[in-house]
N, C-alpha and C. Protein backbone atom coordinates (compact mmCIF):
# COMPACT_ATOMS: atom_id res chain seq x y z
N MET A 1 5.30 -4.21 -40.30
CA MET A 1 6.60 -3.59 -40.26
C MET A 1 7.67 -4.68 -40.23
N LYS A 2 8.56 -4.65 -41.17
CA LYS A 2 9.63 -5.65 -41.25
C LYS A 2 10.66 -5.41 -40.16
N LYS A 3 11.16 -6.50 -39.62
CA LYS A 3 12.21 -6.42 -38.60
C LYS A 3 13.56 -6.55 -39.29
N ILE A 4 14.48 -5.67 -38.90
CA ILE A 4 15.83 -5.65 -39.45
C ILE A 4 16.81 -6.05 -38.36
N CYS A 5 17.74 -6.91 -38.70
CA CYS A 5 18.74 -7.40 -37.74
C CYS A 5 19.61 -6.26 -37.25
N ASN A 6 19.80 -6.17 -35.95
CA ASN A 6 20.65 -5.14 -35.36
C ASN A 6 22.13 -5.40 -35.62
N GLN A 7 22.49 -6.64 -35.90
CA GLN A 7 23.90 -7.00 -36.09
C GLN A 7 24.40 -6.72 -37.51
N CYS A 8 23.56 -7.10 -38.53
CA CYS A 8 24.06 -7.02 -39.91
C CYS A 8 23.11 -6.31 -40.87
N GLN A 9 22.02 -5.76 -40.35
CA GLN A 9 21.05 -4.97 -41.13
C GLN A 9 20.33 -5.77 -42.22
N THR A 10 20.19 -7.08 -42.06
CA THR A 10 19.48 -7.94 -43.00
C THR A 10 18.03 -8.08 -42.54
N GLU A 11 17.09 -8.20 -43.47
CA GLU A 11 15.69 -8.42 -43.11
C GLU A 11 15.54 -9.79 -42.46
N MET A 12 14.83 -9.83 -41.33
CA MET A 12 14.69 -11.06 -40.55
C MET A 12 13.49 -11.87 -41.00
N ILE A 13 13.54 -13.17 -40.75
CA ILE A 13 12.41 -14.07 -40.98
C ILE A 13 11.56 -14.01 -39.71
N GLU A 14 10.29 -13.60 -39.85
CA GLU A 14 9.42 -13.34 -38.70
C GLU A 14 8.35 -14.40 -38.51
N ASP A 15 7.55 -14.19 -37.46
CA ASP A 15 6.36 -14.97 -37.14
C ASP A 15 6.67 -16.44 -36.87
N LEU A 16 7.80 -16.70 -36.23
CA LEU A 16 8.18 -18.05 -35.87
C LEU A 16 7.62 -18.37 -34.49
N THR A 17 7.17 -19.59 -34.29
CA THR A 17 6.61 -19.96 -32.98
C THR A 17 7.73 -20.42 -32.05
N ILE A 18 7.44 -20.35 -30.74
CA ILE A 18 8.39 -20.73 -29.70
C ILE A 18 7.78 -21.86 -28.90
N ASN A 19 8.49 -22.95 -28.77
CA ASN A 19 8.04 -24.06 -27.94
C ASN A 19 9.15 -24.44 -26.97
N VAL A 20 8.77 -24.70 -25.74
CA VAL A 20 9.71 -25.18 -24.74
C VAL A 20 9.75 -26.69 -24.87
N GLU A 21 10.93 -27.26 -24.87
CA GLU A 21 11.08 -28.70 -25.04
C GLU A 21 10.27 -29.45 -23.98
N PHE A 22 9.52 -30.44 -24.40
CA PHE A 22 8.64 -31.26 -23.57
C PHE A 22 7.42 -30.51 -23.07
N ASP A 23 7.13 -29.34 -23.61
CA ASP A 23 5.94 -28.59 -23.23
C ASP A 23 5.28 -28.08 -24.50
N THR A 24 4.14 -28.61 -24.86
CA THR A 24 3.49 -28.25 -26.12
C THR A 24 2.81 -26.89 -26.05
N LEU A 25 2.65 -26.32 -24.87
CA LEU A 25 1.97 -25.04 -24.73
C LEU A 25 2.88 -23.86 -25.00
N GLY A 26 4.18 -24.03 -24.97
CA GLY A 26 5.09 -22.93 -25.19
C GLY A 26 5.19 -22.03 -23.97
N ILE A 27 5.47 -20.74 -24.18
CA ILE A 27 5.57 -19.79 -23.08
C ILE A 27 4.60 -18.64 -23.33
N LYS A 28 4.27 -17.93 -22.26
CA LYS A 28 3.32 -16.83 -22.34
C LYS A 28 3.84 -15.68 -21.51
N ILE A 29 3.67 -14.46 -22.00
CA ILE A 29 4.05 -13.25 -21.28
C ILE A 29 2.80 -12.70 -20.62
N LYS A 30 2.85 -12.40 -19.31
CA LYS A 30 1.67 -11.92 -18.59
C LYS A 30 1.97 -10.65 -17.82
N LYS A 31 0.95 -9.82 -17.69
CA LYS A 31 1.00 -8.63 -16.83
C LYS A 31 -0.27 -8.63 -16.00
N LYS A 32 -0.10 -8.55 -14.69
CA LYS A 32 -1.25 -8.54 -13.81
C LYS A 32 -1.92 -7.18 -13.86
N GLY A 33 -3.23 -7.17 -14.11
CA GLY A 33 -3.99 -5.94 -14.18
C GLY A 33 -4.75 -5.69 -12.90
N LYS A 34 -5.52 -4.63 -12.89
CA LYS A 34 -6.35 -4.32 -11.73
C LYS A 34 -7.63 -5.13 -11.82
N GLY A 35 -8.03 -5.73 -10.73
CA GLY A 35 -9.23 -6.54 -10.72
C GLY A 35 -8.92 -8.02 -10.92
N LEU A 36 -9.96 -8.82 -10.88
CA LEU A 36 -9.80 -10.27 -10.92
C LEU A 36 -9.51 -10.79 -12.33
N PHE A 37 -10.21 -10.27 -13.33
CA PHE A 37 -10.08 -10.81 -14.68
C PHE A 37 -9.44 -9.82 -15.66
N ASN A 38 -8.58 -8.95 -15.18
CA ASN A 38 -7.97 -7.94 -16.04
C ASN A 38 -6.51 -8.22 -16.35
N ASN A 39 -6.11 -9.48 -16.29
CA ASN A 39 -4.74 -9.82 -16.65
C ASN A 39 -4.55 -9.69 -18.15
N ILE A 40 -3.38 -9.26 -18.56
CA ILE A 40 -3.03 -9.13 -19.97
C ILE A 40 -1.99 -10.19 -20.27
N SER A 41 -2.17 -10.89 -21.37
CA SER A 41 -1.18 -11.90 -21.74
C SER A 41 -1.00 -11.93 -23.25
N ALA A 42 0.15 -12.43 -23.67
CA ALA A 42 0.47 -12.54 -25.10
C ALA A 42 1.43 -13.70 -25.29
N LYS A 43 1.30 -14.35 -26.43
CA LYS A 43 2.25 -15.40 -26.78
C LYS A 43 3.38 -14.75 -27.58
N PRO A 44 4.62 -14.93 -27.13
CA PRO A 44 5.73 -14.34 -27.86
C PRO A 44 5.99 -15.08 -29.17
N LYS A 45 6.54 -14.35 -30.12
CA LYS A 45 6.98 -14.90 -31.39
C LYS A 45 8.47 -14.65 -31.51
N ALA A 46 9.09 -15.27 -32.50
CA ALA A 46 10.52 -15.11 -32.71
C ALA A 46 10.77 -14.67 -34.14
N ALA A 47 11.90 -14.01 -34.32
CA ALA A 47 12.41 -13.66 -35.65
C ALA A 47 13.89 -14.00 -35.67
N VAL A 48 14.35 -14.56 -36.79
CA VAL A 48 15.74 -14.95 -36.91
C VAL A 48 16.34 -14.34 -38.18
N CYS A 49 17.59 -13.95 -38.07
CA CYS A 49 18.30 -13.39 -39.22
C CYS A 49 18.88 -14.53 -40.05
N PRO A 50 18.55 -14.59 -41.34
CA PRO A 50 19.08 -15.67 -42.18
C PRO A 50 20.57 -15.49 -42.51
N ASN A 51 21.12 -14.31 -42.22
CA ASN A 51 22.51 -14.03 -42.54
C ASN A 51 23.46 -14.39 -41.39
N CYS A 52 23.13 -13.94 -40.17
CA CYS A 52 24.05 -14.14 -39.04
C CYS A 52 23.48 -15.00 -37.92
N GLY A 53 22.18 -15.32 -37.97
CA GLY A 53 21.58 -16.17 -36.95
C GLY A 53 21.10 -15.45 -35.71
N CYS A 54 21.16 -14.13 -35.70
CA CYS A 54 20.67 -13.36 -34.55
C CYS A 54 19.18 -13.67 -34.33
N LEU A 55 18.79 -13.83 -33.10
CA LEU A 55 17.42 -14.21 -32.75
C LEU A 55 16.82 -13.16 -31.83
N ILE A 56 15.56 -12.74 -32.10
CA ILE A 56 14.85 -11.82 -31.21
C ILE A 56 13.49 -12.40 -30.89
N PHE A 57 12.95 -12.03 -29.73
CA PHE A 57 11.60 -12.37 -29.34
C PHE A 57 10.77 -11.10 -29.34
N TYR A 58 9.49 -11.19 -29.73
CA TYR A 58 8.61 -10.04 -29.76
C TYR A 58 7.17 -10.49 -29.58
N ILE A 59 6.29 -9.54 -29.24
CA ILE A 59 4.85 -9.80 -29.19
C ILE A 59 4.14 -8.79 -30.06
N ASP A 60 3.04 -9.20 -30.66
CA ASP A 60 2.26 -8.30 -31.51
C ASP A 60 1.38 -7.37 -30.68
N GLU A 61 0.99 -7.80 -29.48
CA GLU A 61 0.06 -7.04 -28.64
C GLU A 61 0.78 -6.14 -27.65
N TYR A 62 1.89 -5.55 -28.03
CA TYR A 62 2.70 -4.76 -27.09
C TYR A 62 1.98 -3.52 -26.57
N LYS A 63 1.04 -2.97 -27.32
CA LYS A 63 0.34 -1.77 -26.87
C LYS A 63 -0.59 -2.06 -25.69
N GLU A 64 -1.05 -3.29 -25.57
CA GLU A 64 -1.91 -3.68 -24.44
C GLU A 64 -1.15 -3.61 -23.11
N PHE A 65 0.16 -3.80 -23.13
CA PHE A 65 0.95 -3.80 -21.90
C PHE A 65 1.24 -2.41 -21.38
N SER A 66 1.05 -1.38 -22.19
CA SER A 66 1.33 -0.03 -21.72
C SER A 66 0.13 0.63 -21.08
N LYS A 67 -1.00 -0.03 -21.05
CA LYS A 67 -2.21 0.54 -20.46
C LYS A 67 -2.20 0.44 -18.96
């Protein structure tokens, strides 16, 4: 599913990686689950609008967080 910019309705450039300066591992989104090994995690991605520069963060595994 293509992402459309909320500001100018242009198709966004997707699947960009996110790195924190001086940290090669980047960032990770986590949700603590029930039990010892039931944590859910995902690496966020970014999309940028080539027209206005609007930036969004998203994860592909969003359905895992609603369980």
